[in-house]
Amino acid sequence: MPATDLRVDALRKAPLDSWIALSDDETRIVAVGKSYSEVASELDRLGDEHSVILKTPTAWIPLAI
């Protein structure tokens, strides 16, 4: 499966209205929390300096372009 598809799959599985950290290749969730600092602390504990932290929306809304 292409990395783009793995990223989309990981985001679909992410809890809504949460902070998450995606692996450096953005194919899996490595940490979840209610705040940015909670996720950052977990990444520090794991020794992970390369993950991407982002906030998930309260609901996924399809966009039409």
PDB file of N, CA and C in Angstrom:
ATOM      1  N   MET A   1       0.848  -1.174   0.000  1.00  0.00           N
ATOM      2  CA  MET A   1       0.000   0.000   0.000  1.00  0.00           C
ATOM      3  C   MET A   1       0.896   1.241   0.000  1.00  0.00           C
ATOM      4  N   PRO A   2       0.621   2.216  -0.870  1.00  0.00           N
ATOM      5  CA  PRO A   2       1.430   3.441  -0.908  1.00  0.00           C
ATOM      6  C   PRO A   2       1.363   4.198   0.418  1.00  0.00           C
ATOM      7  N   ALA A   3       2.429   4.939   0.717  1.00  0.00           N
ATOM      8  CA  ALA A   3       2.504   5.697   1.973  1.00  0.00           C
ATOM      9  C   ALA A   3       1.342   6.672   2.118  1.00  0.00           C
ATOM     10  N   THR A   4       0.892   7.262   1.009  1.00  0.00           N
ATOM     11  CA  THR A   4      -0.237   8.195   1.067  1.00  0.00           C
ATOM     12  C   THR A   4      -1.482   7.489   1.584  1.00  0.00           C
ATOM     13  N   ASP A   5      -1.739   6.276   1.112  1.00  0.00           N
ATOM     14  CA  ASP A   5      -2.895   5.509   1.570  1.00  0.00           C
ATOM     15  C   ASP A   5      -2.752   5.142   3.043  1.00  0.00           C
ATOM     16  N   LEU A   6      -1.544   4.822   3.475  1.00  0.00           N
ATOM     17  CA  LEU A   6      -1.306   4.494   4.887  1.00  0.00           C
ATOM     18  C   LEU A   6      -1.536   5.719   5.766  1.00  0.00           C
ATOM     19  N   ARG A   7      -1.145   6.893   5.285  1.00  0.00           N
ATOM     20  CA  ARG A   7      -1.373   8.131   6.036  1.00  0.00           C
ATOM     21  C   ARG A   7      -2.864   8.397   6.184  1.00  0.00           C
ATOM     22  N   VAL A   8      -3.603   8.272   5.108  1.00  0.00           N
ATOM     23  CA  VAL A   8      -5.056   8.483   5.150  1.00  0.00           C
ATOM     24  C   VAL A   8      -5.696   7.474   6.096  1.00  0.00           C
ATOM     25  N   ASP A   9      -5.274   6.228   6.040  1.00  0.00           N
ATOM     26  CA  ASP A   9      -5.810   5.190   6.923  1.00  0.00           C
ATOM     27  C   ASP A   9      -5.532   5.531   8.389  1.00  0.00           C
ATOM     28  N   ALA A  10      -4.322   5.987   8.684  1.00  0.00           N
ATOM     29  CA  ALA A  10      -3.974   6.361  10.060  1.00  0.00           C
ATOM     30  C   ALA A  10      -4.837   7.527  10.534  1.00  0.00           C
ATOM     31  N   LEU A  11      -5.031   8.525   9.688  1.00  0.00           N
ATOM     32  CA  LEU A  11      -5.849   9.668  10.075  1.00  0.00           C
ATOM     33  C   LEU A  11      -7.311   9.279  10.296  1.00  0.00           C
ATOM     34  N   ARG A  12      -7.813   8.371   9.489  1.00  0.00           N
ATOM     35  CA  ARG A  12      -9.198   7.909   9.670  1.00  0.00           C
ATOM     36  C   ARG A  12      -9.385   7.194  11.003  1.00  0.00           C
ATOM     37  N   LYS A  13      -8.339   6.540  11.484  1.00  0.00           N
ATOM     38  CA  LYS A  13      -8.413   5.805  12.753  1.00  0.00           C
ATOM     39  C   LYS A  13      -8.148   6.702  13.964  1.00  0.00           C
ATOM     40  N   ALA A  14      -7.675   7.915  13.721  1.00  0.00           N
ATOM     41  CA  ALA A  14      -7.328   8.822  14.812  1.00  0.00           C
ATOM     42  C   ALA A  14      -8.591   9.289  15.536  1.00  0.00           C
ATOM     43  N   PRO A  15      -8.502   9.420  16.857  1.00  0.00           N
ATOM     44  CA  PRO A  15      -9.646   9.942  17.601  1.00  0.00           C
ATOM     45  C   PRO A  15      -9.901  11.402  17.230  1.00  0.00           C
ATOM     46  N   LEU A  16     -11.160  11.750  17.125  1.00  0.00           N
ATOM     47  CA  LEU A  16     -11.527  13.125  16.788  1.00  0.00           C
ATOM     48  C   LEU A  16     -11.272  14.056  17.966  1.00  0.00           C
ATOM     49  N   ASP A  17     -11.037  15.318  17.645  1.00  0.00           N
ATOM     50  CA  ASP A  17     -10.828  16.378  18.626  1.00  0.00           C
ATOM     51  C   ASP A  17      -9.716  16.018  19.623  1.00  0.00           C
ATOM     52  N   SER A  18      -8.625  15.522  19.093  1.00  0.00           N
ATOM     53  CA  SER A  18      -7.467  15.117  19.903  1.00  0.00           C
ATOM     54  C   SER A  18      -6.189  15.607  19.235  1.00  0.00           C
ATOM     55  N   TRP A  19      -5.127  15.586  20.001  1.00  0.00           N
ATOM     56  CA  TRP A  19      -3.797  15.816  19.454  1.00  0.00           C
ATOM     57  C   TRP A  19      -3.186  14.453  19.185  1.00  0.00           C
ATOM     58  N   ILE A  20      -2.549  14.301  18.027  1.00  0.00           N
ATOM     59  CA  ILE A  20      -1.907  13.032  17.686  1.00  0.00           C
ATOM     60  C   ILE A  20      -0.497  13.294  17.165  1.00  0.00           C
ATOM     61  N   ALA A  21       0.328  12.276  17.245  1.00  0.00           N
ATOM     62  CA  ALA A  21       1.655  12.325  16.629  1.00  0.00           C
ATOM     63  C   ALA A  21       1.712  11.200  15.606  1.00  0.00           C
ATOM     64  N   LEU A  22       2.048  11.568  14.392  1.00  0.00           N
ATOM     65  CA  LEU A  22       2.243  10.582  13.334  1.00  0.00           C
ATOM     66  C   LEU A  22       3.729  10.278  13.221  1.00  0.00           C
ATOM     67  N   SER A  23       4.044   9.023  12.924  1.00  0.00           N
ATOM     68  CA  SER A  23       5.433   8.624  12.711  1.00  0.00           C
ATOM     69  C   SER A  23       6.067   9.524  11.651  1.00  0.00           C
ATOM     70  N   ASP A  24       7.384   9.562  11.606  1.00  0.00           N
ATOM     71  CA  ASP A  24       8.071  10.457  10.673  1.00  0.00           C
ATOM     72  C   ASP A  24       7.685  10.216   9.218  1.00  0.00           C
ATOM     73  N   ASP A  25       7.265   8.996   8.877  1.00  0.00           N
ATOM     74  CA  ASP A  25       6.803   8.740   7.508  1.00  0.00           C
ATOM     75  C   ASP A  25       5.289   8.937   7.385  1.00  0.00           C
ATOM     76  N   GLU A  26       4.644   9.367   8.481  1.00  0.00           N
ATOM     77  CA  GLU A  26       3.227   9.699   8.554  1.00  0.00           C
ATOM     78  C   GLU A  26       2.306   8.529   8.201  1.00  0.00           C
ATOM     79  N   THR A  27       2.712   7.306   8.551  1.00  0.00           N
ATOM     80  CA  THR A  27       1.901   6.134   8.215  1.00  0.00           C
ATOM     81  C   THR A  27       1.235   5.489   9.426  1.00  0.00           C
ATOM     82  N   ARG A  28       1.600   5.955  10.654  1.00  0.00           N
ATOM     83  CA  ARG A  28       0.989   5.372  11.853  1.00  0.00           C
ATOM     84  C   ARG A  28       0.976   6.381  12.985  1.00  0.00           C
ATOM     85  N   ILE A  29       0.029   6.208  13.886  1.00  0.00           N
ATOM     86  CA  ILE A  29      -0.086   7.072  15.053  1.00  0.00           C
ATOM     87  C   ILE A  29       0.825   6.517  16.144  1.00  0.00           C
ATOM     88  N   VAL A  30       1.676   7.375  16.707  1.00  0.00           N
ATOM     89  CA  VAL A  30       2.596   6.926  17.751  1.00  0.00           C
ATOM     90  C   VAL A  30       2.241   7.487  19.128  1.00  0.00           C
ATOM     91  N   ALA A  31       1.391   8.523  19.178  1.00  0.00           N
ATOM     92  CA  ALA A  31       0.961   9.083  20.460  1.00  0.00           C
ATOM     93  C   ALA A  31      -0.354   9.823  20.267  1.00  0.00           C
ATOM     94  N   VAL A  32      -1.173   9.821  21.306  1.00  0.00           N
ATOM     95  CA  VAL A  32      -2.466  10.510  21.302  1.00  0.00           C
ATOM     96  C   VAL A  32      -2.625  11.193  22.647  1.00  0.00           C
ATOM     97  N   GLY A  33      -3.215  12.387  22.633  1.00  0.00           N
ATOM     98  CA  GLY A  33      -3.462  13.084  23.887  1.00  0.00           C
ATOM     99  C   GLY A  33      -4.521  14.151  23.752  1.00  0.00           C
ATOM    100  N   LYS A  34      -4.925  14.706  24.888  1.00  0.00           N
ATOM    101  CA  LYS A  34      -5.925  15.767  24.905  1.00  0.00           C
ATOM    102  C   LYS A  34      -5.298  17.138  24.692  1.00  0.00           C
ATOM    103  N   SER A  35      -3.952  17.219  24.815  1.00  0.00           N
ATOM    104  CA  SER A  35      -3.270  18.490  24.602  1.00  0.00           C
ATOM    105  C   SER A  35      -1.973  18.256  23.826  1.00  0.00           C
ATOM    106  N   TYR A  36      -1.489  19.354  23.243  1.00  0.00           N
ATOM    107  CA  TYR A  36      -0.213  19.289  22.523  1.00  0.00           C
ATOM    108  C   TYR A  36       0.899  18.844  23.469  1.00  0.00           C
ATOM    109  N   SER A  37       0.915  19.443  24.665  1.00  0.00           N
ATOM    110  CA  SER A  37       2.002  19.142  25.604  1.00  0.00           C
ATOM    111  C   SER A  37       1.972  17.686  26.059  1.00  0.00           C
ATOM    112  N   GLU A  38       0.790  17.102  26.155  1.00  0.00           N
ATOM    113  CA  GLU A  38       0.691  15.687  26.531  1.00  0.00           C
ATOM    114  C   GLU A  38       1.338  14.800  25.470  1.00  0.00           C
ATOM    115  N   VAL A  39       1.067  15.106  24.212  1.00  0.00           N
ATOM    116  CA  VAL A  39       1.652  14.323  23.111  1.00  0.00           C
ATOM    117  C   VAL A  39       3.158  14.582  23.029  1.00  0.00           C
ATOM    118  N   ALA A  40       3.564  15.836  23.174  1.00  0.00           N
ATOM    119  CA  ALA A  40       4.998  16.160  23.132  1.00  0.00           C
ATOM    120  C   ALA A  40       5.753  15.452  24.250  1.00  0.00           C
ATOM    121  N   SER A  41       5.157  15.392  25.440  1.00  0.00           N
ATOM    122  CA  SER A  41       5.796  14.700  26.566  1.00  0.00           C
ATOM    123  C   SER A  41       5.951  13.212  26.281  1.00  0.00           C
ATOM    124  N   GLU A  42       4.937  12.622  25.666  1.00  0.00           N
ATOM    125  CA  GLU A  42       5.012  11.201  25.326  1.00  0.00           C
ATOM    126  C   GLU A  42       6.105  10.958  24.293  1.00  0.00           C
ATOM    127  N   LEU A  43       6.231  11.847  23.314  1.00  0.00           N
ATOM    128  CA  LEU A  43       7.300  11.700  22.321  1.00  0.00           C
ATOM    129  C   LEU A  43       8.669  11.839  22.973  1.00  0.00           C
ATOM    130  N   ASP A  44       8.797  12.770  23.926  1.00  0.00           N
ATOM    131  CA  ASP A  44      10.053  12.905  24.662  1.00  0.00           C
ATOM    132  C   ASP A  44      10.370  11.616  25.408  1.00  0.00           C
ATOM    133  N   ARG A  45       9.351  11.037  26.064  1.00  0.00           N
ATOM    134  CA  ARG A  45       9.542   9.792  26.806  1.00  0.00           C
ATOM    135  C   ARG A  45      10.006   8.671  25.880  1.00  0.00           C
ATOM    136  N   LEU A  46       9.466   8.662  24.650  1.00  0.00           N
ATOM    137  CA  LEU A  46       9.834   7.636  23.672  1.00  0.00           C
ATOM    138  C   LEU A  46      11.174   7.937  22.991  1.00  0.00           C
ATOM    139  N   GLY A  47      11.692   9.142  23.184  1.00  0.00           N
ATOM    140  CA  GLY A  47      12.928   9.539  22.504  1.00  0.00           C
ATOM    141  C   GLY A  47      12.700   9.828  21.031  1.00  0.00           C
ATOM    142  N   ASP A  48      11.496  10.177  20.682  1.00  0.00           N
ATOM    143  CA  ASP A  48      11.108  10.409  19.284  1.00  0.00           C
ATOM    144  C   ASP A  48      11.223  11.899  18.971  1.00  0.00           C
ATOM    145  N   GLU A  49      12.122  12.247  18.063  1.00  0.00           N
ATOM    146  CA  GLU A  49      12.325  13.646  17.686  1.00  0.00           C
ATOM    147  C   GLU A  49      11.835  13.955  16.284  1.00  0.00           C
ATOM    148  N   HIS A  50      11.203  12.987  15.618  1.00  0.00           N
ATOM    149  CA  HIS A  50      10.883  13.177  14.206  1.00  0.00           C
ATOM    150  C   HIS A  50       9.398  13.071  13.870  1.00  0.00           C
ATOM    151  N   SER A  51       8.572  12.740  14.830  1.00  0.00           N
ATOM    152  CA  SER A  51       7.146  12.605  14.552  1.00  0.00           C
ATOM    153  C   SER A  51       6.501  13.965  14.306  1.00  0.00           C
ATOM    154  N   VAL A  52       5.381  13.937  13.614  1.00  0.00           N
ATOM    155  CA  VAL A  52       4.615  15.129  13.278  1.00  0.00           C
ATOM    156  C   VAL A  52       3.420  15.202  14.223  1.00  0.00           C
ATOM    157  N   ILE A  53       3.264  16.323  14.931  1.00  0.00           N
ATOM    158  CA  ILE A  53       2.140  16.493  15.848  1.00  0.00           C
ATOM    159  C   ILE A  53       1.073  17.348  15.163  1.00  0.00           C
ATOM    160  N   LEU A  54      -0.172  16.907  15.260  1.00  0.00           N
ATOM    161  CA  LEU A  54      -1.271  17.677  14.695  1.00  0.00           C
ATOM    162  C   LEU A  54      -2.542  17.487  15.500  1.00  0.00           C
ATOM    163  N   LYS A  55      -3.495  18.393  15.292  1.00  0.00           N
ATOM    164  CA  LYS A  55      -4.787  18.358  15.972  1.00  0.00           C
ATOM    165  C   LYS A  55      -5.817  17.808  15.008  1.00  0.00           C
ATOM    166  N   THR A  56      -6.591  16.826  15.456  1.00  0.00           N
ATOM    167  CA  THR A  56      -7.647  16.289  14.603  1.00  0.00           C
ATOM    168  C   THR A  56      -8.904  17.151  14.770  1.00  0.00           C
ATOM    169  N   PRO A  57      -9.732  17.207  13.744  1.00  0.00           N
ATOM    170  CA  PRO A  57     -10.948  18.022  13.832  1.00  0.00           C
ATOM    171  C   PRO A  57     -12.013  17.346  14.701  1.00  0.00           C
ATOM    172  N   THR A  58     -13.050  18.095  15.010  1.00  0.00           N
ATOM    173  CA  THR A  58     -14.157  17.525  15.780  1.00  0.00           C
ATOM    174  C   THR A  58     -14.983  16.583  14.918  1.00  0.00           C
ATOM    175  N   ALA A  59     -14.915  16.758  13.599  1.00  0.00           N
ATOM    176  CA  ALA A  59     -15.593  15.861  12.649  1.00  0.00           C
ATOM    177  C   ALA A  59     -14.867  15.969  11.308  1.00  0.00           C
ATOM    178  N   TRP A  60     -14.773  14.854  10.603  1.00  0.00           N
ATOM    179  CA  TRP A  60     -14.199  14.883   9.271  1.00  0.00           C
ATOM    180  C   TRP A  60     -15.278  15.325   8.298  1.00  0.00           C
ATOM    181  N   ILE A  61     -15.013  16.385   7.558  1.00  0.00           N
ATOM    182  CA  ILE A  61     -15.974  16.921   6.602  1.00  0.00           C
ATOM    183  C   ILE A  61     -15.358  16.820   5.212  1.00  0.00           C
ATOM    184  N   PRO A  62     -16.027  16.110   4.311  1.00  0.00           N
ATOM    185  CA  PRO A  62     -15.473  16.013   2.947  1.00  0.00           C
ATOM    186  C   PRO A  62     -15.452  17.394   2.286  1.00  0.00           C
ATOM    187  N   LEU A  63     -14.394  17.658   1.571  1.00  0.00           N
ATOM    188  CA  LEU A  63     -14.259  18.923   0.864  1.00  0.00           C
ATOM    189  C   LEU A  63     -14.441  18.713  -0.625  1.00  0.00           C
ATOM    190  N   ALA A  64     -15.128  19.613  -1.254  1.00  0.00           N
ATOM    191  CA  ALA A  64     -15.287  19.566  -2.708  1.00  0.00           C
ATOM    192  C   ALA A  64     -14.477  20.724  -3.299  1.00  0.00           C
ATOM    193  N   ILE A  65     -13.665  20.372  -4.279  1.00  0.00           N
ATOM    194  CA  ILE A  65     -12.828  21.415  -4.904  1.00  0.00           C
ATOM    195  C   ILE A  65     -13.269  21.599  -6.335  1.00  0.00           C
TER     196      ILE A  65
END
